[in-house]
PDB file of N, CA and C in Angstrom:
ATOM      1  N   MET A   1     299.771 165.357 -47.447  1.00  0.00           N
ATOM      2  CA  MET A   1     299.800 164.909 -46.076  1.00  0.00           C
ATOM      3  C   MET A   1     300.416 165.979 -45.189  1.00  0.00           C
ATOM      4  N   SER A   2     299.828 166.151 -44.088  1.00  0.00           N
ATOM      5  CA  SER A   2     300.348 167.119 -43.140  1.00  0.00           C
ATOM      6  C   SER A   2     301.415 166.462 -42.279  1.00  0.00           C
ATOM      7  N   SER A   3     302.523 167.120 -42.120  1.00  0.00           N
ATOM      8  CA  SER A   3     303.590 166.542 -41.313  1.00  0.00           C
ATOM      9  C   SER A   3     303.545 167.049 -39.873  1.00  0.00           C
ATOM     10  N   SER A   4     302.532 167.837 -39.522  1.00  0.00           N
ATOM     11  CA  SER A   4     302.464 168.363 -38.168  1.00  0.00           C
ATOM     12  C   SER A   4     301.901 167.344 -37.186  1.00  0.00           C
ATOM     13  N   ALA A   5     301.049 166.425 -37.644  1.00  0.00           N
ATOM     14  CA  ALA A   5     300.483 165.410 -36.761  1.00  0.00           C
ATOM     15  C   ALA A   5     301.357 164.157 -36.798  1.00  0.00           C
ATOM     16  N   LYS A   6     301.658 163.630 -35.639  1.00  0.00           N
ATOM     17  CA  LYS A   6     302.491 162.439 -35.554  1.00  0.00           C
ATOM     18  C   LYS A   6     301.655 161.202 -35.889  1.00  0.00           C
ATOM     19  N   ARG A   7     302.189 160.343 -36.742  1.00  0.00           N
ATOM     20  CA  ARG A   7     301.485 159.125 -37.150  1.00  0.00           C
ATOM     21  C   ARG A   7     301.665 158.031 -36.105  1.00  0.00           C
ATOM     22  N   ILE A   8     300.718 157.100 -36.082  1.00  0.00           N
ATOM     23  CA  ILE A   8     300.803 155.924 -35.227  1.00  0.00           C
ATOM     24  C   ILE A   8     301.706 154.911 -35.924  1.00  0.00           C
ATOM     25  N   LEU A   9     302.608 154.315 -35.183  1.00  0.00           N
ATOM     26  CA  LEU A   9     303.571 153.368 -35.723  1.00  0.00           C
ATOM     27  C   LEU A   9     303.048 151.947 -35.552  1.00  0.00           C
ATOM     28  N   GLN A  10     303.005 151.192 -36.656  1.00  0.00           N
ATOM     29  CA  GLN A  10     302.610 149.781 -36.620  1.00  0.00           C
ATOM     30  C   GLN A  10     303.715 148.956 -37.242  1.00  0.00           C
ATOM     31  N   LYS A  11     303.888 147.728 -36.737  1.00  0.00           N
ATOM     32  CA  LYS A  11     304.889 146.812 -37.294  1.00  0.00           C
ATOM     33  C   LYS A  11     304.191 145.517 -37.686  1.00  0.00           C
ATOM     34  N   THR A  12     304.537 144.980 -38.837  1.00  0.00           N
ATOM     35  CA  THR A  12     304.008 143.684 -39.231  1.00  0.00           C
ATOM     36  C   THR A  12     304.828 142.592 -38.549  1.00  0.00           C
ATOM     37  N   PRO A  13     304.266 141.402 -38.395  1.00  0.00           N
ATOM     38  CA  PRO A  13     305.049 140.291 -37.837  1.00  0.00           C
ATOM     39  C   PRO A  13     306.306 140.005 -38.675  1.00  0.00           C
ATOM     40  N   ARG A  14     306.204 140.175 -39.976  1.00  0.00           N
ATOM     41  CA  ARG A  14     307.359 139.948 -40.858  1.00  0.00           C
ATOM     42  C   ARG A  14     308.470 140.952 -40.553  1.00  0.00           C
ATOM     43  N   PHE A  15     308.110 142.219 -40.336  1.00  0.00           N
ATOM     44  CA  PHE A  15     309.100 143.239 -39.987  1.00  0.00           C
ATOM     45  C   PHE A  15     309.793 142.869 -38.674  1.00  0.00           C
ATOM     46  N   THR A  16     309.022 142.434 -37.695  1.00  0.00           N
ATOM     47  CA  THR A  16     309.578 142.062 -36.394  1.00  0.00           C
ATOM     48  C   THR A  16     310.569 140.911 -36.539  1.00  0.00           C
ATOM     49  N   ARG A  17     310.246 139.904 -37.349  1.00  0.00           N
ATOM     50  CA  ARG A  17     311.175 138.790 -37.599  1.00  0.00           C
ATOM     51  C   ARG A  17     312.439 139.282 -38.283  1.00  0.00           C
ATOM     52  N   ASP A  18     312.273 140.140 -39.301  1.00  0.00           N
ATOM     53  CA  ASP A  18     313.439 140.700 -39.997  1.00  0.00           C
ATOM     54  C   ASP A  18     314.348 141.443 -39.023  1.00  0.00           C
ATOM     55  N   LEU A  19     313.745 142.256 -38.170  1.00  0.00           N
ATOM     56  CA  LEU A  19     314.504 143.109 -37.250  1.00  0.00           C
ATOM     57  C   LEU A  19     315.297 142.282 -36.241  1.00  0.00           C
ATOM     58  N   LYS A  20     314.716 141.196 -35.757  1.00  0.00           N
ATOM     59  CA  LYS A  20     315.395 140.356 -34.766  1.00  0.00           C
ATOM     60  C   LYS A  20     316.676 139.730 -35.308  1.00  0.00           C
ATOM     61  N   LYS A  21     316.777 139.569 -36.621  1.00  0.00           N
ATOM     62  CA  LYS A  21     317.957 138.968 -37.248  1.00  0.00           C
ATOM     63  C   LYS A  21     319.124 139.948 -37.342  1.00  0.00           C
ATOM     64  N   LEU A  22     318.860 141.223 -37.131  1.00  0.00           N
ATOM     65  CA  LEU A  22     319.875 142.260 -37.323  1.00  0.00           C
ATOM     66  C   LEU A  22     320.584 142.587 -36.017  1.00  0.00           C
ATOM     67  N   SER A  23     321.789 143.181 -36.136  1.00  0.00           N
ATOM     68  CA  SER A  23     322.569 143.547 -34.956  1.00  0.00           C
ATOM     69  C   SER A  23     321.903 144.686 -34.187  1.00  0.00           C
ATOM     70  N   LYS A  24     322.287 144.825 -32.945  1.00  0.00           N
ATOM     71  CA  LYS A  24     321.704 145.845 -32.069  1.00  0.00           C
ATOM     72  C   LYS A  24     321.861 147.266 -32.615  1.00  0.00           C
ATOM     73  N   PRO A  25     323.047 147.661 -33.142  1.00  0.00           N
ATOM     74  CA  PRO A  25     323.169 149.026 -33.681  1.00  0.00           C
ATOM     75  C   PRO A  25     322.218 149.290 -34.856  1.00  0.00           C
ATOM     76  N   ILE A  26     322.008 148.292 -35.698  1.00  0.00           N
ATOM     77  CA  ILE A  26     321.094 148.470 -36.827  1.00  0.00           C
ATOM     78  C   ILE A  26     319.659 148.576 -36.325  1.00  0.00           C
ATOM     79  N   GLN A  27     319.311 147.768 -35.329  1.00  0.00           N
ATOM     80  CA  GLN A  27     317.971 147.843 -34.731  1.00  0.00           C
ATOM     81  C   GLN A  27     317.716 149.229 -34.142  1.00  0.00           C
ATOM     82  N   GLU A  28     318.706 149.764 -33.434  1.00  0.00           N
ATOM     83  CA  GLU A  28     318.558 151.086 -32.816  1.00  0.00           C
ATOM     84  C   GLU A  28     318.428 152.180 -33.875  1.00  0.00           C
ATOM     85  N   GLU A  29     319.230 152.095 -34.936  1.00  0.00           N
ATOM     86  CA  GLU A  29     319.142 153.070 -36.027  1.00  0.00           C
ATOM     87  C   GLU A  29     317.776 152.983 -36.710  1.00  0.00           C
ATOM     88  N   ALA A  30     317.281 151.761 -36.917  1.00  0.00           N
ATOM     89  CA  ALA A  30     315.963 151.576 -37.546  1.00  0.00           C
ATOM     90  C   ALA A  30     314.875 152.201 -36.681  1.00  0.00           C
ATOM     91  N   PHE A  31     314.979 152.063 -35.364  1.00  0.00           N
ATOM     92  CA  PHE A  31     314.014 152.671 -34.462  1.00  0.00           C
ATOM     93  C   PHE A  31     314.050 154.196 -34.589  1.00  0.00           C
ATOM     94  N   GLY A  32     315.247 154.759 -34.650  1.00  0.00           N
ATOM     95  CA  GLY A  32     315.379 156.215 -34.800  1.00  0.00           C
ATOM     96  C   GLY A  32     314.796 156.706 -36.116  1.00  0.00           C
ATOM     97  N   VAL A  33     315.057 155.970 -37.200  1.00  0.00           N
ATOM     98  CA  VAL A  33     314.507 156.338 -38.504  1.00  0.00           C
ATOM     99  C   VAL A  33     312.983 156.258 -38.473  1.00  0.00           C
ATOM    100  N   ALA A  34     312.449 155.200 -37.867  1.00  0.00           N
ATOM    101  CA  ALA A  34     310.987 155.041 -37.776  1.00  0.00           C
ATOM    102  C   ALA A  34     310.358 156.197 -36.995  1.00  0.00           C
ATOM    103  N   GLN A  35     311.012 156.627 -35.924  1.00  0.00           N
ATOM    104  CA  GLN A  35     310.488 157.750 -35.143  1.00  0.00           C
ATOM    105  C   GLN A  35     310.489 159.032 -35.974  1.00  0.00           C
ATOM    106  N   MET A  36     311.543 159.246 -36.749  1.00  0.00           N
ATOM    107  CA  MET A  36     311.594 160.430 -37.613  1.00  0.00           C
ATOM    108  C   MET A  36     310.494 160.375 -38.668  1.00  0.00           C
ATOM    109  N   LEU A  37     310.239 159.179 -39.203  1.00  0.00           N
ATOM    110  CA  LEU A  37     309.191 159.020 -40.210  1.00  0.00           C
ATOM    111  C   LEU A  37     307.817 159.360 -39.646  1.00  0.00           C
ATOM    112  N   THR A  38     307.552 158.983 -38.394  1.00  0.00           N
ATOM    113  CA  THR A  38     306.243 159.277 -37.803  1.00  0.00           C
ATOM    114  C   THR A  38     306.026 160.775 -37.667  1.00  0.00           C
ATOM    115  N   GLU A  39     307.111 161.519 -37.484  1.00  0.00           N
ATOM    116  CA  GLU A  39     307.004 162.964 -37.304  1.00  0.00           C
ATOM    117  C   GLU A  39     307.011 163.730 -38.622  1.00  0.00           C
ATOM    118  N   ASN A  40     307.853 163.281 -39.587  1.00  0.00           N
ATOM    119  CA  ASN A  40     307.962 163.990 -40.858  1.00  0.00           C
ATOM    120  C   ASN A  40     308.513 163.059 -41.932  1.00  0.00           C
ATOM    121  N   LEU A  41     307.635 162.590 -42.804  1.00  0.00           N
ATOM    122  CA  LEU A  41     308.045 161.681 -43.881  1.00  0.00           C
ATOM    123  C   LEU A  41     309.081 162.300 -44.808  1.00  0.00           C
ATOM    124  N   PHE A  42     309.034 163.603 -44.929  1.00  0.00           N
ATOM    125  CA  PHE A  42     309.865 164.277 -45.914  1.00  0.00           C
ATOM    126  C   PHE A  42     311.059 164.991 -45.301  1.00  0.00           C
ATOM    127  N   HIS A  43     311.507 164.505 -44.140  1.00  0.00           N
ATOM    128  CA  HIS A  43     312.697 165.071 -43.512  1.00  0.00           C
ATOM    129  C   HIS A  43     313.866 164.894 -44.485  1.00  0.00           C
ATOM    130  N   PRO A  44     314.658 165.941 -44.729  1.00  0.00           N
ATOM    131  CA  PRO A  44     315.705 165.883 -45.757  1.00  0.00           C
ATOM    132  C   PRO A  44     316.752 164.785 -45.546  1.00  0.00           C
ATOM    133  N   THR A  45     317.018 164.390 -44.327  1.00  0.00           N
ATOM    134  CA  THR A  45     318.045 163.372 -44.083  1.00  0.00           C
ATOM    135  C   THR A  45     317.537 161.951 -44.329  1.00  0.00           C
ATOM    136  N   LEU A  46     316.243 161.768 -44.496  1.00  0.00           N
ATOM    137  CA  LEU A  46     315.690 160.418 -44.630  1.00  0.00           C
ATOM    138  C   LEU A  46     315.819 159.824 -46.030  1.00  0.00           C
ATOM    139  N   ASN A  47     315.766 160.640 -47.065  1.00  0.00           N
ATOM    140  CA  ASN A  47     315.877 160.144 -48.439  1.00  0.00           C
ATOM    141  C   ASN A  47     314.819 159.078 -48.750  1.00  0.00           C
ATOM    142  N   VAL A  48     313.564 159.392 -48.479  1.00  0.00           N
ATOM    143  CA  VAL A  48     312.444 158.480 -48.735  1.00  0.00           C
ATOM    144  C   VAL A  48     312.196 158.411 -50.237  1.00  0.00           C
ATOM    145  N   ARG A  49     312.028 157.187 -50.752  1.00  0.00           N
ATOM    146  CA  ARG A  49     311.745 156.981 -52.173  1.00  0.00           C
ATOM    147  C   ARG A  49     310.559 156.043 -52.342  1.00  0.00           C
ATOM    148  N   HIS A  50     309.761 156.303 -53.368  1.00  0.00           N
ATOM    149  CA  HIS A  50     308.648 155.424 -53.726  1.00  0.00           C
ATOM    150  C   HIS A  50     309.219 154.165 -54.361  1.00  0.00           C
ATOM    151  N   LEU A  51     308.642 152.996 -54.037  1.00  0.00           N
ATOM    152  CA  LEU A  51     309.083 151.753 -54.665  1.00  0.00           C
ATOM    153  C   LEU A  51     308.398 151.597 -56.008  1.00  0.00           C
ATOM    154  N   THR A  52     309.170 151.549 -57.053  1.00  0.00           N
ATOM    155  CA  THR A  52     308.638 151.402 -58.401  1.00  0.00           C
ATOM    156  C   THR A  52     307.888 150.082 -58.528  1.00  0.00           C
ATOM    157  N   GLY A  53     306.676 150.150 -59.058  1.00  0.00           N
ATOM    158  CA  GLY A  53     305.877 148.954 -59.274  1.00  0.00           C
ATOM    159  C   GLY A  53     305.016 148.558 -58.094  1.00  0.00           C
ATOM    160  N   PHE A  54     305.095 149.286 -56.994  1.00  0.00           N
ATOM    161  CA  PHE A  54     304.298 148.984 -55.806  1.00  0.00           C
ATOM    162  C   PHE A  54     303.569 150.244 -55.367  1.00  0.00           C
ATOM    163  N   LYS A  55     302.276 150.252 -55.508  1.00  0.00           N
ATOM    164  CA  LYS A  55     301.491 151.428 -55.139  1.00  0.00           C
ATOM    165  C   LYS A  55     301.454 151.584 -53.615  1.00  0.00           C
ATOM    166  N   GLY A  56     301.841 152.759 -53.167  1.00  0.00           N
ATOM    167  CA  GLY A  56     301.760 153.081 -51.742  1.00  0.00           C
ATOM    168  C   GLY A  56     302.883 152.539 -50.882  1.00  0.00           C
ATOM    169  N   LEU A  57     303.946 151.991 -51.481  1.00  0.00           N
ATOM    170  CA  LEU A  57     305.078 151.489 -50.706  1.00  0.00           C
ATOM    171  C   LEU A  57     306.289 152.378 -50.923  1.00  0.00           C
ATOM    172  N   TYR A  58     307.044 152.573 -49.843  1.00  0.00           N
ATOM    173  CA  TYR A  58     308.211 153.442 -49.867  1.00  0.00           C
ATOM    174  C   TYR A  58     309.374 152.731 -49.191  1.00  0.00           C
ATOM    175  N   ARG A  59     310.591 153.237 -49.456  1.00  0.00           N
ATOM    176  CA  ARG A  59     311.772 152.716 -48.778  1.00  0.00           C
ATOM    177  C   ARG A  59     312.585 153.869 -48.229  1.00  0.00           C
ATOM    178  N   VAL A  60     313.302 153.567 -47.163  1.00  0.00           N
ATOM    179  CA  VAL A  60     314.206 154.536 -46.553  1.00  0.00           C
ATOM    180  C   VAL A  60     315.493 153.797 -46.194  1.00  0.00           C
ATOM    181  N   VAL A  61     316.607 154.497 -46.270  1.00  0.00           N
ATOM    182  CA  VAL A  61     317.912 153.910 -45.982  1.00  0.00           C
ATOM    183  C   VAL A  61     318.163 153.904 -44.474  1.00  0.00           C
ATOM    184  N   VAL A  62     318.676 152.776 -43.984  1.00  0.00           N
ATOM    185  CA  VAL A  62     319.075 152.637 -42.582  1.00  0.00           C
ATOM    186  C   VAL A  62     320.530 152.189 -42.569  1.00  0.00           C
ATOM    187  N   MET A  63     321.392 152.962 -41.970  1.00  0.00           N
ATOM    188  CA  MET A  63     322.828 152.667 -41.860  1.00  0.00           C
ATOM    189  C   MET A  63     323.461 152.306 -43.206  1.00  0.00           C
ATOM    190  N   LYS A  64     323.185 153.044 -44.212  1.00  0.00           N
ATOM    191  CA  LYS A  64     323.766 152.961 -45.549  1.00  0.00           C
ATOM    192  C   LYS A  64     323.431 151.689 -46.322  1.00  0.00           C
ATOM    193  N   ASP A  65     323.537 150.517 -45.720  1.00  0.00           N
ATOM    194  CA  ASP A  65     323.369 149.266 -46.454  1.00  0.00           C
ATOM    195  C   ASP A  65     322.039 148.551 -46.206  1.00  0.00           C
ATOM    196  N   TYR A  66     321.176 149.103 -45.379  1.00  0.00           N
ATOM    197  CA  TYR A  66     319.906 148.444 -45.082  1.00  0.00           C
ATOM    198  C   TYR A  66     318.746 149.300 -45.573  1.00  0.00           C
ATOM    199  N   ARG A  67     317.665 148.631 -45.946  1.00  0.00           N
ATOM    200  CA  ARG A  67     316.472 149.326 -46.434  1.00  0.00           C
ATOM    201  C   ARG A  67     315.281 148.930 -45.593  1.00  0.00           C
ATOM    202  N   LEU A  68     314.511 149.923 -45.209  1.00  0.00           N
ATOM    203  CA  LEU A  68     313.277 149.724 -44.469  1.00  0.00           C
ATOM    204  C   LEU A  68     312.134 150.060 -45.423  1.00  0.00           C
ATOM    205  N   ILE A  69     311.232 149.125 -45.628  1.00  0.00           N
ATOM    206  CA  ILE A  69     310.093 149.336 -46.524  1.00  0.00           C
ATOM    207  C   ILE A  69     308.857 149.566 -45.676  1.00  0.00           C
ATOM    208  N   PHE A  70     308.087 150.593 -46.051  1.00  0.00           N
ATOM    209  CA  PHE A  70     306.915 150.957 -45.265  1.00  0.00           C
ATOM    210  C   PHE A  70     305.803 151.473 -46.158  1.00  0.00           C
ATOM    211  N   SER A  71     304.611 151.529 -45.574  1.00  0.00           N
ATOM    212  CA  SER A  71     303.471 152.183 -46.208  1.00  0.00           C
ATOM    213  C   SER A  71     302.925 153.172 -45.189  1.00  0.00           C
ATOM    214  N   CYS A  72     302.154 154.138 -45.664  1.00  0.00           N
ATOM    215  CA  CYS A  72     301.609 155.120 -44.728  1.00  0.00           C
ATOM    216  C   CYS A  72     300.345 155.742 -45.288  1.00  0.00           C
ATOM    217  N   ASP A  73     299.561 156.271 -44.367  1.00  0.00           N
ATOM    218  CA  ASP A  73     298.437 157.126 -44.723  1.00  0.00           C
ATOM    219  C   ASP A  73     298.490 158.314 -43.770  1.00  0.00           C
ATOM    220  N   ALA A  74     297.447 159.079 -43.698  1.00  0.00           N
ATOM    221  CA  ALA A  74     297.462 160.306 -42.898  1.00  0.00           C
ATOM    222  C   ALA A  74     297.663 160.037 -41.402  1.00  0.00           C
ATOM    223  N   ASP A  75     297.229 158.869 -40.928  1.00  0.00           N
ATOM    224  CA  ASP A  75     297.272 158.591 -39.490  1.00  0.00           C
ATOM    225  C   ASP A  75     298.264 157.519 -39.062  1.00  0.00           C
ATOM    226  N   THR A  76     298.662 156.640 -39.989  1.00  0.00           N
ATOM    227  CA  THR A  76     299.413 155.448 -39.632  1.00  0.00           C
ATOM    228  C   THR A  76     300.654 155.267 -40.508  1.00  0.00           C
ATOM    229  N   LEU A  77     301.715 154.792 -39.886  1.00  0.00           N
ATOM    230  CA  LEU A  77     302.928 154.397 -40.595  1.00  0.00           C
ATOM    231  C   LEU A  77     303.133 152.915 -40.296  1.00  0.00           C
ATOM    232  N   CYS A  78     303.128 152.080 -41.325  1.00  0.00           N
ATOM    233  CA  CYS A  78     303.233 150.633 -41.156  1.00  0.00           C
ATOM    234  C   CYS A  78     304.585 150.151 -41.672  1.00  0.00           C
ATOM    235  N   LEU A  79     305.397 149.601 -40.775  1.00  0.00           N
ATOM    236  CA  LEU A  79     306.707 149.075 -41.127  1.00  0.00           C
ATOM    237  C   LEU A  79     306.523 147.651 -41.642  1.00  0.00           C
ATOM    238  N   LEU A  80     306.951 147.408 -42.886  1.00  0.00           N
ATOM    239  CA  LEU A  80     306.682 146.129 -43.542  1.00  0.00           C
ATOM    240  C   LEU A  80     307.866 145.174 -43.548  1.00  0.00           C
ATOM    241  N   ARG A  81     309.042 145.654 -43.937  1.00  0.00           N
ATOM    242  CA  ARG A  81     310.234 144.813 -44.053  1.00  0.00           C
ATOM    243  C   ARG A  81     311.477 145.641 -43.768  1.00  0.00           C
ATOM    244  N   ILE A  82     312.549 144.956 -43.340  1.00  0.00           N
ATOM    245  CA  ILE A  82     313.869 145.560 -43.241  1.00  0.00           C
ATOM    246  C   ILE A  82     314.898 144.468 -43.521  1.00  0.00           C
ATOM    247  N   ALA A  83     315.863 144.783 -44.384  1.00  0.00           N
ATOM    248  CA  ALA A  83     316.909 143.814 -44.737  1.00  0.00           C
ATOM    249  C   ALA A  83     318.046 144.543 -45.447  1.00  0.00           C
ATOM    250  N   HIS A  84     319.122 143.816 -45.681  1.00  0.00           N
ATOM    251  CA  HIS A  84     320.263 144.358 -46.415  1.00  0.00           C
ATOM    252  C   HIS A  84     319.818 144.688 -47.833  1.00  0.00           C
ATOM    253  N   ARG A  85     320.383 145.710 -48.410  1.00  0.00           N
ATOM    254  CA  ARG A  85     319.952 146.186 -49.726  1.00  0.00           C
ATOM    255  C   ARG A  85     320.136 145.145 -50.819  1.00  0.00           C
ATOM    256  N   LYS A  86     321.119 144.256 -50.682  1.00  0.00           N
ATOM    257  CA  LYS A  86     321.326 143.226 -51.712  1.00  0.00           C
ATOM    258  C   LYS A  86     320.264 142.130 -51.645  1.00  0.00           C
ATOM    259  N   ASP A  87     319.605 142.004 -50.512  1.00  0.00           N
ATOM    260  CA  ASP A  87     318.619 140.936 -50.329  1.00  0.00           C
ATOM    261  C   ASP A  87     317.165 141.395 -50.416  1.00  0.00           C
ATOM    262  N   ILE A  88     316.875 142.607 -49.983  1.00  0.00           N
ATOM    263  CA  ILE A  88     315.483 142.997 -49.786  1.00  0.00           C
ATOM    264  C   ILE A  88     314.674 143.026 -51.066  1.00  0.00           C
ATOM    265  N   TYR A  89     315.247 143.463 -52.163  1.00  0.00           N
ATOM    266  CA  TYR A  89     314.487 143.561 -53.400  1.00  0.00           C
ATOM    267  C   TYR A  89     314.426 142.222 -54.142  1.00  0.00           C
ATOM    268  N   ARG A  90     315.433 141.406 -53.940  1.00  0.00           N
ATOM    269  CA  ARG A  90     315.494 140.111 -54.607  1.00  0.00           C
ATOM    270  C   ARG A  90     314.390 139.171 -54.123  1.00  0.00           C
ATOM    271  N   THR A  91     314.132 139.190 -52.841  1.00  0.00           N
ATOM    272  CA  THR A  91     313.136 138.283 -52.264  1.00  0.00           C
ATOM    273  C   THR A  91     311.975 139.051 -51.667  1.00  0.00           C
ATOM    274  N   PHE A  92     311.634 140.177 -52.263  1.00  0.00           N
ATOM    275  CA  PHE A  92     310.607 141.024 -51.666  1.00  0.00           C
ATOM    276  C   PHE A  92     309.229 140.400 -51.774  1.00  0.00           C
ATOM    277  N   GLU A  93     308.644 140.178 -50.628  1.00  0.00           N
ATOM    278  CA  GLU A  93     307.257 139.742 -50.520  1.00  0.00           C
ATOM    279  C   GLU A  93     306.739 140.256 -49.194  1.00  0.00           C
ATOM    280  N   LEU A  94     305.466 140.499 -49.107  1.00  0.00           N
ATOM    281  CA  LEU A  94     304.899 141.051 -47.863  1.00  0.00           C
ATOM    282  C   LEU A  94     304.408 139.963 -46.950  1.00  0.00           C
TER     283      LEU A  94
END
């Protein structure tokens, strides 16, 4: 994937519901992380990891204790879920 072209950002309704439950500072940090992802998935500060057992899904850390799960292709970055790290994997569903 080329990191020179900026991807289009999409949010699922589930992501939007998850985000509304979080505090304003976490929401703002998540927005900043999402913007960085659209520009360069492999930015060294992002620490993007593939989700084991899920083809095409990745996670990124937001404010140390939160995880943002997303999928992407060459043109689009789709934000799927965001939650505290202790909860997101336990009840993970799309």
